């Protein structure tokens, strides 16, 4: 009888132990996955915040502080670009000042493109300006024989930039200017310098014919003396 009772007790213990153990294993497995905790860890890592030994609440507080600092830095940079003073201003005040300054710039641009600004928000103005700019870019591209089908503003600007570079390279080559590896800006500068050099050479040649010395003189000084000499020459001819 004692053996039977002992056997039943063991069976009962085993029966009770199995679900408890299974439940414990399940709980442990589920506790290793916390989507919200992982999100906090990912955000903290992005900000370079250490999470070792910290509670969720502590991590949230540090993230809040870091996010506020980042937002302030972003606002300060935007304000600096627009020439807005940041002294003693809250984030909300700065945001309002920036929005007002941006709206002034957008309205000025809209006026140039003939876009109505009545009752439009900054976002609506940007969209209207983007559409107007697209029309303008399409017109320029069409003149240059560039296809505009399905192209965005950015793609059209890049296509126009490439076409301008090709044109500048042709002009530079005709003027005997090397074009290898040069940007459009560099080519324009080289062409302008070449043009100025040709003007200077022509002016010096004219001065030499009139017996005017060019040593140590600026282009403006040489031009003034050449004009003066020519006036005197014409006056002498007129007197005869």
Protein backbone atom coordinates (compact mmCIF):
# COMPACT_ATOMS: atom_id res chain seq x y z
CA UNK A 1 0.00 0.00 0.00
CA UNK A 2 2.83 2.31 0.88
CA UNK A 3 4.55 1.51 -2.41
CA UNK A 4 1.34 2.32 -4.33
CA UNK A 5 0.96 5.67 -2.56
CA UNK A 6 4.61 6.48 -3.17
CA UNK A 7 4.22 5.59 -6.86
CA UNK A 8 1.13 7.76 -7.20
CA UNK A 9 2.90 10.64 -5.50
CA UNK A 10 5.81 10.37 -7.95
CA UNK A 11 3.46 10.25 -10.95
CA UNK A 12 1.62 13.30 -9.65
CA UNK A 13 4.86 15.16 -9.07
CA UNK A 14 6.00 14.37 -12.60
CA UNK A 15 2.63 15.43 -14.03
CA UNK A 16 2.80 18.72 -12.18
CA UNK A 17 6.46 19.32 -13.00
CA UNK A 18 6.14 18.96 -16.78
CA UNK A 19 3.68 21.84 -17.45
CA UNK A 20 5.42 24.08 -14.93
CA UNK A 21 8.78 23.49 -16.59
CA UNK A 22 7.26 23.99 -20.03
CA UNK A 23 5.64 27.23 -18.89
CA UNK A 24 8.93 28.42 -17.41
CA UNK A 25 10.76 27.68 -20.66
CA UNK A 26 8.07 29.45 -22.67
CA UNK A 27 8.23 32.50 -20.37
CA UNK A 28 11.99 32.63 -20.65
CA UNK A 29 11.81 32.38 -24.44
CA UNK A 30 9.21 35.14 -24.71
CA UNK A 31 11.13 37.39 -22.33
CA UNK A 32 14.15 37.46 -24.65
CA UNK A 33 12.18 39.27 -27.34
CA UNK A 34 10.94 42.80 -26.60
CA UNK A 35 10.26 44.84 -29.74
CA UNK A 36 9.93 48.11 -27.81
CA UNK A 37 13.14 47.49 -25.89
CA UNK A 38 14.94 46.69 -29.15
CA UNK A 39 13.61 49.89 -30.70
CA UNK A 40 15.00 51.86 -27.76
CA UNK A 41 18.36 50.13 -28.11
CA UNK A 42 18.49 50.85 -31.84
CA UNK A 43 17.65 54.52 -31.30
CA UNK A 44 20.21 54.81 -28.51
CA UNK A 45 22.86 53.27 -30.74
CA UNK A 46 22.04 55.73 -33.51
CA UNK A 47 22.63 58.61 -31.07
CA UNK A 48 25.75 56.98 -29.60
CA UNK A 49 24.13 56.54 -26.20
CA UNK A 50 25.37 53.74 -23.95
CA UNK A 51 22.57 51.50 -22.63
CA UNK A 52 24.58 49.30 -20.26
CA UNK A 53 22.70 48.75 -16.97
CA UNK A 54 20.08 51.37 -17.81
CA UNK A 55 16.31 51.01 -17.49
CA UNK A 56 13.92 51.80 -20.32
CA UNK A 57 12.95 54.99 -18.53
CA UNK A 58 16.57 56.17 -18.31
CA UNK A 59 17.19 55.39 -21.97
CA UNK A 60 14.02 57.25 -22.96
CA UNK A 61 15.11 60.33 -20.99
CA UNK A 62 18.54 60.36 -22.62
CA UNK A 63 16.98 59.90 -26.06
CA UNK A 64 14.62 62.79 -25.40
CA UNK A 65 17.55 65.03 -24.43
CA UNK A 66 19.65 63.96 -27.43
CA UNK A 67 16.72 64.45 -29.81
CA UNK A 68 16.07 67.95 -28.44
CA UNK A 69 19.75 68.85 -28.84
CA UNK A 70 19.73 67.56 -32.42
CA UNK A 71 16.60 69.55 -33.20
CA UNK A 72 18.14 72.71 -31.72
CA UNK A 73 21.30 72.22 -33.78
CA UNK A 74 19.23 71.76 -36.92
CA UNK A 75 17.24 74.93 -36.20
CA UNK A 76 20.42 76.92 -35.47
CA UNK A 77 21.97 75.85 -38.78
CA UNK A 78 18.82 76.78 -40.70
CA UNK A 79 18.66 80.14 -38.91
CA UNK A 80 22.33 80.86 -39.69
CA UNK A 81 21.74 80.21 -43.40
CA UNK A 82 18.84 82.65 -43.38
CA UNK A 83 20.70 85.27 -41.32
CA UNK A 84 18.35 84.90 -38.35
CA UNK A 85 19.65 85.66 -34.85
CA UNK A 86 19.22 82.81 -32.35
CA UNK A 87 20.08 84.77 -29.19
CA UNK A 88 17.66 84.07 -26.33
CA UNK A 89 15.13 82.34 -28.54
CA UNK A 90 13.30 79.13 -27.77
CA UNK A 91 13.04 76.32 -30.29
CA UNK A 92 9.44 77.32 -31.04
CA UNK A 93 10.40 80.97 -31.62
CA UNK A 94 13.23 79.96 -33.91
CA UNK A 95 10.97 77.62 -35.84
CA UNK A 96 8.43 80.42 -36.35
CA UNK A 97 11.15 82.87 -37.48
CA UNK A 98 12.58 80.32 -39.92
CA UNK A 99 9.17 79.54 -41.40
CA UNK A 100 8.49 83.27 -41.86
CA UNK A 101 11.89 83.84 -43.54
CA UNK A 102 11.42 80.82 -45.79
CA UNK A 103 7.98 82.07 -46.81
CA UNK A 104 9.47 85.45 -47.80
CA UNK A 105 12.04 83.67 -49.99
CA UNK A 106 9.43 81.40 -51.52
CA UNK A 107 7.16 84.34 -52.30
CA UNK A 108 10.01 86.23 -53.96
CA UNK A 109 10.78 83.19 -56.11
CA UNK A 110 7.09 82.75 -56.88
CA UNK A 111 6.87 86.36 -58.00
CA UNK A 112 9.72 85.81 -60.48
CA UNK A 113 8.05 82.71 -61.89
CA UNK A 114 4.59 84.26 -61.99
CA UNK A 115 3.18 81.86 -59.39
CA UNK A 116 0.28 83.07 -57.23
CA UNK A 117 1.01 82.99 -53.47
CA UNK A 118 -2.47 83.86 -52.19
CA UNK A 119 -3.43 81.74 -49.19
CA UNK A 120 -0.70 79.18 -49.85
CA UNK A 121 1.33 77.52 -47.12
CA UNK A 122 5.09 77.02 -47.48
CA UNK A 123 4.47 73.43 -48.54
CA UNK A 124 1.91 74.45 -51.17
CA UNK A 125 4.24 77.16 -52.46
CA UNK A 126 7.08 74.67 -52.82
CA UNK A 127 4.86 72.35 -54.83
CA UNK A 128 3.67 75.20 -57.07
CA UNK A 129 7.24 76.41 -57.59
CA UNK A 130 8.40 72.90 -58.39
CA UNK A 131 5.72 72.62 -61.08
CA UNK A 132 6.59 76.04 -62.53
CA UNK A 133 10.29 75.20 -62.50
CA UNK A 134 9.58 71.92 -64.28
CA UNK A 135 7.79 73.79 -67.08
CA UNK A 136 10.74 76.19 -67.38
CA UNK A 137 13.29 73.37 -67.43
CA UNK A 138 11.28 71.49 -70.05
CA UNK A 139 11.26 74.59 -72.29
CA UNK A 140 15.06 74.98 -71.99
CA UNK A 141 15.62 71.29 -72.63
CA UNK A 142 13.38 71.30 -75.69
CA UNK A 143 15.39 74.18 -77.21
CA UNK A 144 18.55 72.14 -76.81
CA UNK A 145 16.95 69.04 -78.28
CA UNK A 146 16.89 67.18 -74.96
CA UNK A 147 14.04 64.74 -74.39
CA UNK A 148 11.86 65.70 -71.41
CA UNK A 149 9.54 62.66 -71.29
CA UNK A 150 9.06 61.42 -67.76
CA UNK A 151 12.04 63.37 -66.44
CA UNK A 152 11.97 65.01 -63.02
CA UNK A 153 13.32 68.49 -62.20
CA UNK A 154 16.56 66.94 -60.96
CA UNK A 155 17.01 64.79 -64.06
CA UNK A 156 16.35 67.75 -66.37
CA UNK A 157 18.83 69.93 -64.46
CA UNK A 158 21.47 67.21 -64.82
CA UNK A 159 20.74 66.85 -68.55
CA UNK A 160 20.98 70.63 -69.05
CA UNK A 161 24.19 70.74 -67.04
CA UNK A 162 25.71 68.03 -69.24
CA UNK A 163 24.62 69.87 -72.41
CA UNK A 164 26.14 73.13 -71.13
CA UNK A 165 29.41 71.35 -70.35
CA UNK A 166 29.54 69.93 -73.89
CA UNK A 167 28.95 73.41 -75.33
CA UNK A 168 31.67 74.97 -73.14
CA UNK A 169 34.11 72.22 -74.08
CA UNK A 170 33.54 72.95 -77.78
CA UNK A 171 34.11 76.70 -77.25
CA UNK A 172 37.21 76.08 -75.17
CA UNK A 173 38.65 73.67 -77.74
CA UNK A 174 38.08 76.25 -80.49
CA UNK A 175 39.96 78.82 -78.36
CA UNK A 176 42.86 76.42 -77.82
CA UNK A 177 42.01 75.79 -74.17
CA UNK A 178 42.53 72.31 -72.71
CA UNK A 179 39.25 70.83 -71.44
CA UNK A 180 40.41 67.56 -69.83
CA UNK A 181 38.93 67.09 -66.35
CA UNK A 182 37.64 70.67 -66.16
CA UNK A 183 34.24 71.51 -64.75
CA UNK A 184 31.80 73.95 -66.36
CA UNK A 185 32.84 76.61 -63.83
CA UNK A 186 36.53 76.12 -64.63
CA UNK A 187 35.88 76.24 -68.36
CA UNK A 188 33.87 79.46 -68.02
CA UNK A 189 36.72 81.01 -66.03
CA UNK A 190 39.28 79.88 -68.62
CA UNK A 191 37.18 81.26 -71.49
CA UNK A 192 36.70 84.55 -69.66
CA UNK A 193 40.43 84.80 -68.96
CA UNK A 194 41.16 84.05 -72.60
CA UNK A 195 38.72 86.73 -73.71
CA UNK A 196 40.32 89.27 -71.35
CA UNK A 197 43.78 88.32 -72.63
CA UNK A 198 42.67 88.86 -76.24
CA UNK A 199 41.21 92.26 -75.33
CA UNK A 200 44.42 93.24 -73.54
CA UNK A 201 46.53 92.15 -76.53
CA UNK A 202 44.35 94.17 -78.94
CA UNK A 203 44.50 97.22 -76.65
CA UNK A 204 48.29 97.02 -76.33
CA UNK A 205 48.62 96.72 -80.10
CA UNK A 206 46.46 99.83 -80.55
CA UNK A 207 48.50 101.71 -77.98
CA UNK A 208 51.75 100.74 -79.73
CA UNK A 209 50.43 102.14 -83.03
CA UNK A 210 49.68 105.44 -81.30
CA UNK A 211 53.11 105.54 -79.69
CA UNK A 212 51.75 105.00 -76.18
CA UNK A 213 53.88 103.10 -73.67
CA UNK A 214 52.06 100.33 -71.76
CA UNK A 215 54.77 99.53 -69.19
CA UNK A 216 53.39 99.25 -65.65
CA UNK A 217 49.98 100.52 -66.67
CA UNK A 218 46.61 98.92 -66.02
CA UNK A 219 44.18 98.14 -68.83
CA UNK A 220 41.98 101.06 -67.75
CA UNK A 221 44.92 103.49 -67.86
CA UNK A 222 45.99 102.29 -71.31
CA UNK A 223 42.39 102.54 -72.56
CA UNK A 224 42.08 106.10 -71.26
CA UNK A 225 45.32 107.15 -72.99
CA UNK A 226 44.31 105.45 -76.24
CA UNK A 227 40.91 107.21 -76.22
CA UNK A 228 42.56 110.53 -75.46
CA UNK A 229 45.08 110.05 -78.28
CA UNK A 230 42.34 109.09 -80.72
CA UNK A 231 40.25 112.16 -79.80
CA UNK A 232 43.26 114.37 -80.35
CA UNK A 233 43.91 112.72 -83.69
CA UNK A 234 40.30 113.14 -84.80
CA UNK A 235 40.30 116.78 -83.68
CA UNK A 236 43.46 117.41 -85.68
CA UNK A 237 41.91 115.86 -88.77
CA UNK A 238 38.75 117.90 -88.28
CA UNK A 239 40.79 121.10 -88.02
CA UNK A 240 42.36 120.42 -91.41
